[in-house]
Amino acid sequence: MQKYITIKKAAQLLHVTPLTLRNWDNNGKLKAYRHPGNNYRVYRLDQIEAFLRQLEGSRAKKAARKIDVF
């Protein structure tokens, strides 16, 4: 069974704002689902965890490019 989290909790886990998540949803970067009772955006927890790993990997690569290693 899939676990879903609110947009607020997803934003906290990803260290972004809920507005950023809405933009990512609108641009197709991260898929949001709709709660059947209130039509709010919700996110699958496993999808957020995978996206977080992807973000952390790209941030580490960017940081490594900025550091000159001798």
N, C-alpha and C. Protein backbone atom coordinates (compact mmCIF):
# COMPACT_ATOMS: atom_id res chain seq x y z
N MET A 1 0.84 -1.18 0.00
CA MET A 1 0.00 0.00 0.00
C MET A 1 0.88 1.25 0.00
N GLN A 2 0.56 2.19 -0.87
CA GLN A 2 1.33 3.42 -0.98
C GLN A 2 1.03 4.36 0.19
N LYS A 3 2.08 5.03 0.66
CA LYS A 3 1.90 6.05 1.69
C LYS A 3 1.98 7.41 1.02
N TYR A 4 1.06 8.29 1.38
CA TYR A 4 1.01 9.63 0.81
C TYR A 4 1.28 10.65 1.90
N ILE A 5 1.90 11.77 1.50
CA ILE A 5 2.17 12.85 2.44
C ILE A 5 1.66 14.16 1.86
N THR A 6 1.44 15.12 2.73
CA THR A 6 0.93 16.42 2.31
C THR A 6 2.02 17.22 1.60
N ILE A 7 1.60 18.25 0.92
CA ILE A 7 2.55 19.12 0.23
C ILE A 7 3.47 19.81 1.24
N LYS A 8 2.95 20.14 2.41
CA LYS A 8 3.77 20.78 3.44
C LYS A 8 4.88 19.85 3.91
N LYS A 9 4.53 18.59 4.17
CA LYS A 9 5.53 17.62 4.64
C LYS A 9 6.55 17.32 3.53
N ALA A 10 6.09 17.20 2.30
CA ALA A 10 7.00 16.96 1.18
C ALA A 10 7.97 18.13 1.03
N ALA A 11 7.48 19.35 1.17
CA ALA A 11 8.33 20.53 1.08
C ALA A 11 9.39 20.53 2.18
N GLN A 12 9.00 20.14 3.38
CA GLN A 12 9.96 20.07 4.49
C GLN A 12 11.04 19.03 4.21
N LEU A 13 10.66 17.88 3.70
CA LEU A 13 11.62 16.81 3.41
C LEU A 13 12.61 17.22 2.32
N LEU A 14 12.13 17.99 1.33
CA LEU A 14 12.98 18.39 0.21
C LEU A 14 13.67 19.74 0.43
N HIS A 15 13.35 20.41 1.53
CA HIS A 15 13.92 21.72 1.86
C HIS A 15 13.61 22.76 0.78
N VAL A 16 12.35 22.76 0.35
CA VAL A 16 11.86 23.74 -0.61
C VAL A 16 10.51 24.25 -0.09
N THR A 17 9.95 25.21 -0.77
CA THR A 17 8.64 25.73 -0.38
C THR A 17 7.53 24.94 -1.07
N PRO A 18 6.32 24.99 -0.52
CA PRO A 18 5.20 24.36 -1.22
C PRO A 18 4.98 24.95 -2.61
N LEU A 19 5.27 26.23 -2.79
CA LEU A 19 5.14 26.85 -4.11
C LEU A 19 6.09 26.20 -5.11
N THR A 20 7.31 25.88 -4.67
CA THR A 20 8.25 25.19 -5.55
C THR A 20 7.69 23.84 -5.97
N LEU A 21 7.09 23.11 -5.03
CA LEU A 21 6.49 21.82 -5.37
C LEU A 21 5.35 21.99 -6.37
N ARG A 22 4.54 23.02 -6.20
CA ARG A 22 3.45 23.27 -7.15
C ARG A 22 4.02 23.54 -8.54
N ASN A 23 5.09 24.34 -8.59
CA ASN A 23 5.72 24.63 -9.88
C ASN A 23 6.29 23.37 -10.51
N TRP A 24 6.95 22.54 -9.71
CA TRP A 24 7.50 21.28 -10.23
C TRP A 24 6.38 20.39 -10.75
N ASP A 25 5.24 20.38 -10.07
CA ASP A 25 4.10 19.60 -10.53
C ASP A 25 3.60 20.14 -11.86
N ASN A 26 3.45 21.44 -11.96
CA ASN A 26 2.96 22.05 -13.20
C ASN A 26 3.93 21.84 -14.36
N ASN A 27 5.23 21.76 -14.07
CA ASN A 27 6.24 21.57 -15.11
C ASN A 27 6.57 20.10 -15.37
N GLY A 28 5.95 19.20 -14.63
CA GLY A 28 6.16 17.78 -14.83
C GLY A 28 7.42 17.22 -14.19
N LYS A 29 8.07 18.00 -13.35
CA LYS A 29 9.30 17.53 -12.71
C LYS A 29 9.02 16.55 -11.58
N LEU A 30 7.92 16.72 -10.89
CA LEU A 30 7.53 15.85 -9.78
C LEU A 30 6.01 15.73 -9.80
N LYS A 31 5.51 14.51 -9.85
CA LYS A 31 4.07 14.29 -9.99
C LYS A 31 3.36 14.34 -8.64
N ALA A 32 2.33 15.14 -8.60
CA ALA A 32 1.46 15.20 -7.42
C ALA A 32 0.18 14.44 -7.74
N TYR A 33 -0.42 13.90 -6.70
CA TYR A 33 -1.71 13.23 -6.82
C TYR A 33 -2.72 14.10 -6.10
N ARG A 34 -3.99 13.84 -6.30
CA ARG A 34 -5.04 14.62 -5.66
C ARG A 34 -5.76 13.77 -4.62
N HIS A 35 -5.93 14.36 -3.44
CA HIS A 35 -6.68 13.70 -2.37
C HIS A 35 -8.14 13.63 -2.82
N PRO A 36 -8.76 12.46 -2.75
CA PRO A 36 -10.14 12.34 -3.24
C PRO A 36 -11.17 13.12 -2.43
N GLY A 37 -10.88 13.39 -1.17
CA GLY A 37 -11.85 14.08 -0.33
C GLY A 37 -11.84 15.59 -0.47
N ASN A 38 -10.63 16.16 -0.68
CA ASN A 38 -10.56 17.62 -0.70
C ASN A 38 -9.81 18.17 -1.91
N ASN A 39 -9.32 17.31 -2.79
CA ASN A 39 -8.62 17.67 -4.01
C ASN A 39 -7.27 18.35 -3.77
N TYR A 40 -6.75 18.29 -2.55
CA TYR A 40 -5.42 18.85 -2.27
C TYR A 40 -4.35 17.98 -2.92
N ARG A 41 -3.20 18.60 -3.18
CA ARG A 41 -2.07 17.84 -3.70
C ARG A 41 -1.48 16.98 -2.58
N VAL A 42 -1.18 15.75 -2.91
CA VAL A 42 -0.46 14.85 -2.01
C VAL A 42 0.62 14.17 -2.85
N TYR A 43 1.63 13.68 -2.17
CA TYR A 43 2.77 13.06 -2.85
C TYR A 43 3.02 11.69 -2.27
N ARG A 44 3.44 10.77 -3.13
CA ARG A 44 3.82 9.44 -2.66
C ARG A 44 5.15 9.55 -1.92
N LEU A 45 5.22 8.97 -0.75
CA LEU A 45 6.43 9.06 0.07
C LEU A 45 7.63 8.45 -0.64
N ASP A 46 7.46 7.30 -1.29
CA ASP A 46 8.59 6.68 -1.98
C ASP A 46 9.09 7.54 -3.13
N GLN A 47 8.19 8.26 -3.79
CA GLN A 47 8.58 9.16 -4.88
C GLN A 47 9.39 10.35 -4.33
N ILE A 48 8.97 10.89 -3.20
CA ILE A 48 9.68 12.01 -2.58
C ILE A 48 11.07 11.56 -2.12
N GLU A 49 11.16 10.38 -1.53
CA GLU A 49 12.46 9.87 -1.07
C GLU A 49 13.41 9.67 -2.25
N ALA A 50 12.91 9.13 -3.36
CA ALA A 50 13.75 8.94 -4.55
C ALA A 50 14.18 10.28 -5.13
N PHE A 51 13.27 11.24 -5.17
CA PHE A 51 13.59 12.56 -5.69
C PHE A 51 14.62 13.25 -4.81
N LEU A 52 14.52 13.06 -3.50
CA LEU A 52 15.48 13.63 -2.56
C LEU A 52 16.88 13.06 -2.81
N ARG A 53 16.98 11.77 -3.02
CA ARG A 53 18.28 11.16 -3.32
C ARG A 53 18.86 11.73 -4.61
N GLN A 54 18.00 11.93 -5.59
CA GLN A 54 18.43 12.50 -6.87
C GLN A 54 18.92 13.94 -6.67
N LEU A 55 18.18 14.73 -5.89
CA LEU A 55 18.58 16.11 -5.61
C LEU A 55 19.91 16.17 -4.87
N GLU A 56 20.05 15.34 -3.86
CA GLU A 56 21.29 15.34 -3.08
C GLU A 56 22.47 14.95 -3.95
N GLY A 57 22.28 14.02 -4.86
CA GLY A 57 23.35 13.62 -5.77
C GLY A 57 23.76 14.74 -6.69
N SER A 58 22.80 15.48 -7.24
CA SER A 58 23.13 16.58 -8.14
C SER A 58 23.76 17.74 -7.38
N ARG A 59 23.33 17.97 -6.15
CA ARG A 59 23.94 19.04 -5.34
C ARG A 59 25.39 18.70 -5.01
N ALA A 60 25.65 17.44 -4.72
CA ALA A 60 27.02 17.01 -4.41
C ALA A 60 27.92 17.16 -5.64
N LYS A 61 27.40 16.85 -6.82
CA LYS A 61 28.18 16.99 -8.05
C LYS A 61 28.50 18.46 -8.31
N LYS A 62 27.51 19.35 -8.09
CA LYS A 62 27.75 20.78 -8.30
C LYS A 62 28.79 21.30 -7.32
N ALA A 63 28.71 20.87 -6.08
CA ALA A 63 29.68 21.31 -5.07
C ALA A 63 31.07 20.81 -5.43
N ALA A 64 31.18 19.60 -5.91
CA ALA A 64 32.49 19.04 -6.27
C ALA A 64 33.10 19.81 -7.44
N ARG A 65 32.29 20.30 -8.36
CA ARG A 65 32.81 21.07 -9.49
C ARG A 65 33.37 22.41 -9.04
N LYS A 66 32.82 22.97 -7.96
CA LYS A 66 33.25 24.28 -7.48
C LYS A 66 34.54 24.21 -6.66
N ILE A 67 34.91 23.02 -6.23
CA ILE A 67 36.09 22.86 -5.38
C ILE A 67 37.26 22.42 -6.23
N ASP A 68 38.36 23.17 -6.15
CA ASP A 68 39.58 22.77 -6.84
C ASP A 68 40.34 21.80 -5.96
N VAL A 69 40.60 20.63 -6.49
CA VAL A 69 41.32 19.61 -5.75
C VAL A 69 42.69 19.45 -6.37
N PHE A 70 43.74 19.44 -5.54
CA PHE A 70 45.12 19.29 -6.04
C PHE A 70 45.60 17.90 -5.84
